[in-house]
Amino acid sequence: MWDLSEEFEERVVADFLSEYRAGRTPNPCVRCNERVKFDVLLERGLSLASTP
């Protein structure tokens, strides 16, 4: 299990707040999938797979 709360805060929450202040309404679930689930988790999983 990994604590990805920092990545979530940086890549999803901060972006959402910035976009919302600019008058846009981003979907945080889509951002999380793109920037945390499929980016960070894939990167960490691949690093485990390459470790002997």
PDB file of N, CA and C in Angstrom:
ATOM      1  N   MET A   1       0.846  -1.162   0.000  1.00  0.00           N
ATOM      2  CA  MET A   1       0.000   0.000   0.000  1.00  0.00           C
ATOM      3  C   MET A   1       0.899   1.235   0.000  1.00  0.00           C
ATOM      4  N   TRP A   2       0.546   2.224  -0.820  1.00  0.00           N
ATOM      5  CA  TRP A   2       1.288   3.479  -0.899  1.00  0.00           C
ATOM      6  C   TRP A   2       0.388   4.637  -0.501  1.00  0.00           C
ATOM      7  N   ASP A   3       0.956   5.568   0.211  1.00  0.00           N
ATOM      8  CA  ASP A   3       0.250   6.799   0.560  1.00  0.00           C
ATOM      9  C   ASP A   3       0.516   7.798  -0.559  1.00  0.00           C
ATOM     10  N   LEU A   4      -0.474   8.052  -1.372  1.00  0.00           N
ATOM     11  CA  LEU A   4      -0.332   8.964  -2.500  1.00  0.00           C
ATOM     12  C   LEU A   4      -1.023  10.302  -2.236  1.00  0.00           C
ATOM     13  N   SER A   5      -1.205  10.630  -0.973  1.00  0.00           N
ATOM     14  CA  SER A   5      -1.921  11.859  -0.635  1.00  0.00           C
ATOM     15  C   SER A   5      -1.173  13.105  -1.100  1.00  0.00           C
ATOM     16  N   GLU A   6       0.153  13.102  -1.036  1.00  0.00           N
ATOM     17  CA  GLU A   6       0.910  14.255  -1.512  1.00  0.00           C
ATOM     18  C   GLU A   6       0.758  14.418  -3.024  1.00  0.00           C
ATOM     19  N   GLU A   7       0.868  13.322  -3.753  1.00  0.00           N
ATOM     20  CA  GLU A   7       0.694  13.373  -5.199  1.00  0.00           C
ATOM     21  C   GLU A   7      -0.720  13.837  -5.559  1.00  0.00           C
ATOM     22  N   PHE A   8      -1.699  13.341  -4.809  1.00  0.00           N
ATOM     23  CA  PHE A   8      -3.083  13.735  -5.054  1.00  0.00           C
ATOM     24  C   PHE A   8      -3.261  15.230  -4.820  1.00  0.00           C
ATOM     25  N   GLU A   9      -2.704  15.721  -3.731  1.00  0.00           N
ATOM     26  CA  GLU A   9      -2.804  17.154  -3.422  1.00  0.00           C
ATOM     27  C   GLU A   9      -2.151  17.997  -4.517  1.00  0.00           C
ATOM     28  N   GLU A  10      -0.957  17.605  -4.933  1.00  0.00           N
ATOM     29  CA  GLU A  10      -0.217  18.373  -5.935  1.00  0.00           C
ATOM     30  C   GLU A  10      -0.822  18.287  -7.329  1.00  0.00           C
ATOM     31  N   ARG A  11      -1.203  17.090  -7.736  1.00  0.00           N
ATOM     32  CA  ARG A  11      -1.611  16.870  -9.122  1.00  0.00           C
ATOM     33  C   ARG A  11      -3.103  16.997  -9.379  1.00  0.00           C
ATOM     34  N   VAL A  12      -3.906  16.885  -8.330  1.00  0.00           N
ATOM     35  CA  VAL A  12      -5.361  16.927  -8.528  1.00  0.00           C
ATOM     36  C   VAL A  12      -5.986  18.128  -7.817  1.00  0.00           C
ATOM     37  N   VAL A  13      -5.802  18.223  -6.513  1.00  0.00           N
ATOM     38  CA  VAL A  13      -6.471  19.274  -5.737  1.00  0.00           C
ATOM     39  C   VAL A  13      -5.970  20.664  -6.126  1.00  0.00           C
ATOM     40  N   ALA A  14      -4.658  20.853  -6.163  1.00  0.00           N
ATOM     41  CA  ALA A  14      -4.110  22.174  -6.507  1.00  0.00           C
ATOM     42  C   ALA A  14      -4.547  22.590  -7.908  1.00  0.00           C
ATOM     43  N   ASP A  15      -4.508  21.654  -8.843  1.00  0.00           N
ATOM     44  CA  ASP A  15      -4.939  21.950 -10.217  1.00  0.00           C
ATOM     45  C   ASP A  15      -6.427  22.292 -10.252  1.00  0.00           C
ATOM     46  N   PHE A  16      -7.238  21.533  -9.533  1.00  0.00           N
ATOM     47  CA  PHE A  16      -8.675  21.795  -9.501  1.00  0.00           C
ATOM     48  C   PHE A  16      -8.951  23.201  -8.982  1.00  0.00           C
ATOM     49  N   LEU A  17      -8.311  23.573  -7.883  1.00  0.00           N
ATOM     50  CA  LEU A  17      -8.546  24.893  -7.300  1.00  0.00           C
ATOM     51  C   LEU A  17      -8.115  26.002  -8.253  1.00  0.00           C
ATOM     52  N   SER A  18      -6.995  25.828  -8.891  1.00  0.00           N
ATOM     53  CA  SER A  18      -6.516  26.819  -9.849  1.00  0.00           C
ATOM     54  C   SER A  18      -7.482  26.976 -11.023  1.00  0.00           C
ATOM     55  N   GLU A  19      -7.915  25.872 -11.571  1.00  0.00           N
ATOM     56  CA  GLU A  19      -8.848  25.899 -12.696  1.00  0.00           C
ATOM     57  C   GLU A  19     -10.204  26.473 -12.282  1.00  0.00           C
ATOM     58  N   TYR A  20     -10.671  26.113 -11.098  1.00  0.00           N
ATOM     59  CA  TYR A  20     -11.968  26.595 -10.612  1.00  0.00           C
ATOM     60  C   TYR A  20     -11.933  28.108 -10.412  1.00  0.00           C
ATOM     61  N   ARG A  21     -10.827  28.605  -9.860  1.00  0.00           N
ATOM     62  CA  ARG A  21     -10.671  30.056  -9.685  1.00  0.00           C
ATOM     63  C   ARG A  21     -10.670  30.784 -11.034  1.00  0.00           C
ATOM     64  N   ALA A  22     -10.203  30.118 -12.065  1.00  0.00           N
ATOM     65  CA  ALA A  22     -10.159  30.711 -13.412  1.00  0.00           C
ATOM     66  C   ALA A  22     -11.505  30.599 -14.131  1.00  0.00           C
ATOM     67  N   GLY A  23     -12.511  30.062 -13.452  1.00  0.00           N
ATOM     68  CA  GLY A  23     -13.843  29.978 -14.034  1.00  0.00           C
ATOM     69  C   GLY A  23     -14.120  28.696 -14.791  1.00  0.00           C
ATOM     70  N   ARG A  24     -13.205  27.746 -14.708  1.00  0.00           N
ATOM     71  CA  ARG A  24     -13.404  26.460 -15.372  1.00  0.00           C
ATOM     72  C   ARG A  24     -13.850  25.424 -14.343  1.00  0.00           C
ATOM     73  N   THR A  25     -14.448  24.358 -14.793  1.00  0.00           N
ATOM     74  CA  THR A  25     -14.932  23.316 -13.884  1.00  0.00           C
ATOM     75  C   THR A  25     -14.346  21.965 -14.270  1.00  0.00           C
ATOM     76  N   PRO A  26     -13.090  21.728 -13.907  1.00  0.00           N
ATOM     77  CA  PRO A  26     -12.466  20.447 -14.234  1.00  0.00           C
ATOM     78  C   PRO A  26     -13.079  19.313 -13.419  1.00  0.00           C
ATOM     79  N   ASN A  27     -12.949  18.125 -13.937  1.00  0.00           N
ATOM     80  CA  ASN A  27     -13.451  16.945 -13.247  1.00  0.00           C
ATOM     81  C   ASN A  27     -12.287  16.319 -12.466  1.00  0.00           C
ATOM     82  N   PRO A  28     -12.296  16.403 -11.132  1.00  0.00           N
ATOM     83  CA  PRO A  28     -11.167  15.877 -10.358  1.00  0.00           C
ATOM     84  C   PRO A  28     -10.996  14.367 -10.498  1.00  0.00           C
ATOM     85  N   CYS A  29     -12.057  13.641 -10.763  1.00  0.00           N
ATOM     86  CA  CYS A  29     -11.936  12.187 -10.918  1.00  0.00           C
ATOM     87  C   CYS A  29     -11.132  11.841 -12.170  1.00  0.00           C
ATOM     88  N   VAL A  30     -11.373  12.567 -13.243  1.00  0.00           N
ATOM     89  CA  VAL A  30     -10.621  12.345 -14.474  1.00  0.00           C
ATOM     90  C   VAL A  30      -9.158  12.716 -14.260  1.00  0.00           C
ATOM     91  N   ARG A  31      -8.921  13.827 -13.588  1.00  0.00           N
ATOM     92  CA  ARG A  31      -7.540  14.253 -13.303  1.00  0.00           C
ATOM     93  C   ARG A  31      -6.830  13.230 -12.441  1.00  0.00           C
ATOM     94  N   CYS A  32      -7.515  12.676 -11.454  1.00  0.00           N
ATOM     95  CA  CYS A  32      -6.906  11.668 -10.584  1.00  0.00           C
ATOM     96  C   CYS A  32      -6.539  10.429 -11.387  1.00  0.00           C
ATOM     97  N   ASN A  33      -7.450   9.966 -12.217  1.00  0.00           N
ATOM     98  CA  ASN A  33      -7.159   8.795 -13.048  1.00  0.00           C
ATOM     99  C   ASN A  33      -5.925   9.035 -13.903  1.00  0.00           C
ATOM    100  N   GLU A  34      -5.895  10.174 -14.556  1.00  0.00           N
ATOM    101  CA  GLU A  34      -4.814  10.498 -15.489  1.00  0.00           C
ATOM    102  C   GLU A  34      -3.490  10.743 -14.783  1.00  0.00           C
ATOM    103  N   ARG A  35      -3.513  11.492 -13.704  1.00  0.00           N
ATOM    104  CA  ARG A  35      -2.275  11.976 -13.089  1.00  0.00           C
ATOM    105  C   ARG A  35      -1.790  11.187 -11.896  1.00  0.00           C
ATOM    106  N   VAL A  36      -2.660  10.421 -11.272  1.00  0.00           N
ATOM    107  CA  VAL A  36      -2.239   9.641 -10.099  1.00  0.00           C
ATOM    108  C   VAL A  36      -2.351   8.151 -10.379  1.00  0.00           C
ATOM    109  N   LYS A  37      -3.547   7.683 -10.674  1.00  0.00           N
ATOM    110  CA  LYS A  37      -3.741   6.240 -10.866  1.00  0.00           C
ATOM    111  C   LYS A  37      -2.921   5.688 -12.024  1.00  0.00           C
ATOM    112  N   PHE A  38      -3.016   6.326 -13.180  1.00  0.00           N
ATOM    113  CA  PHE A  38      -2.361   5.767 -14.360  1.00  0.00           C
ATOM    114  C   PHE A  38      -0.952   6.285 -14.563  1.00  0.00           C
ATOM    115  N   ASP A  39      -0.528   7.286 -13.813  1.00  0.00           N
ATOM    116  CA  ASP A  39       0.826   7.817 -13.947  1.00  0.00           C
ATOM    117  C   ASP A  39       1.698   7.335 -12.789  1.00  0.00           C
ATOM    118  N   VAL A  40       1.373   7.751 -11.593  1.00  0.00           N
ATOM    119  CA  VAL A  40       2.189   7.417 -10.420  1.00  0.00           C
ATOM    120  C   VAL A  40       2.146   5.923 -10.129  1.00  0.00           C
ATOM    121  N   LEU A  41       0.962   5.338 -10.124  1.00  0.00           N
ATOM    122  CA  LEU A  41       0.872   3.910  -9.809  1.00  0.00           C
ATOM    123  C   LEU A  41       1.580   3.054 -10.846  1.00  0.00           C
ATOM    124  N   LEU A  42       1.436   3.405 -12.108  1.00  0.00           N
ATOM    125  CA  LEU A  42       2.126   2.657 -13.155  1.00  0.00           C
ATOM    126  C   LEU A  42       3.633   2.766 -12.980  1.00  0.00           C
ATOM    127  N   GLU A  43       4.111   3.972 -12.726  1.00  0.00           N
ATOM    128  CA  GLU A  43       5.547   4.191 -12.529  1.00  0.00           C
ATOM    129  C   GLU A  43       6.080   3.359 -11.361  1.00  0.00           C
ATOM    130  N   ARG A  44       5.369   3.364 -10.252  1.00  0.00           N
ATOM    131  CA  ARG A  44       5.818   2.592  -9.087  1.00  0.00           C
ATOM    132  C   ARG A  44       5.723   1.091  -9.330  1.00  0.00           C
ATOM    133  N   GLY A  45       4.670   0.680  -9.991  1.00  0.00           N
ATOM    134  CA  GLY A  45       4.526  -0.740 -10.299  1.00  0.00           C
ATOM    135  C   GLY A  45       5.624  -1.230 -11.217  1.00  0.00           C
ATOM    136  N   LEU A  46       5.936  -0.454 -12.221  1.00  0.00           N
ATOM    137  CA  LEU A  46       7.015  -0.847 -13.137  1.00  0.00           C
ATOM    138  C   LEU A  46       8.363  -0.881 -12.431  1.00  0.00           C
ATOM    139  N   SER A  47       8.576   0.020 -11.483  1.00  0.00           N
ATOM    140  CA  SER A  47       9.851  -0.006 -10.754  1.00  0.00           C
ATOM    141  C   SER A  47       9.950  -1.272  -9.894  1.00  0.00           C
ATOM    142  N   LEU A  48       8.829  -1.751  -9.389  1.00  0.00           N
ATOM    143  CA  LEU A  48       8.839  -3.007  -8.623  1.00  0.00           C
ATOM    144  C   LEU A  48       9.123  -4.189  -9.530  1.00  0.00           C
ATOM    145  N   ALA A  49       8.565  -4.151 -10.723  1.00  0.00           N
ATOM    146  CA  ALA A  49       8.732  -5.257 -11.664  1.00  0.00           C
ATOM    147  C   ALA A  49      10.172  -5.357 -12.145  1.00  0.00           C
ATOM    148  N   SER A  50      10.895  -4.242 -12.176  1.00  0.00           N
ATOM    149  CA  SER A  50      12.272  -4.261 -12.660  1.00  0.00           C
ATOM    150  C   SER A  50      13.286  -4.519 -11.546  1.00  0.00           C
ATOM    151  N   THR A  51      12.808  -4.591 -10.313  1.00  0.00           N
ATOM    152  CA  THR A  51      13.691  -4.861  -9.178  1.00  0.00           C
ATOM    153  C   THR A  51      13.891  -6.364  -9.052  1.00  0.00           C
ATOM    154  N   PRO A  52      15.165  -6.820  -9.013  1.00  0.00           N
ATOM    155  CA  PRO A  52      15.401  -8.275  -8.920  1.00  0.00           C
ATOM    156  C   PRO A  52      14.988  -8.862  -7.596  1.00  0.00           C
TER     157      PRO A  52
END
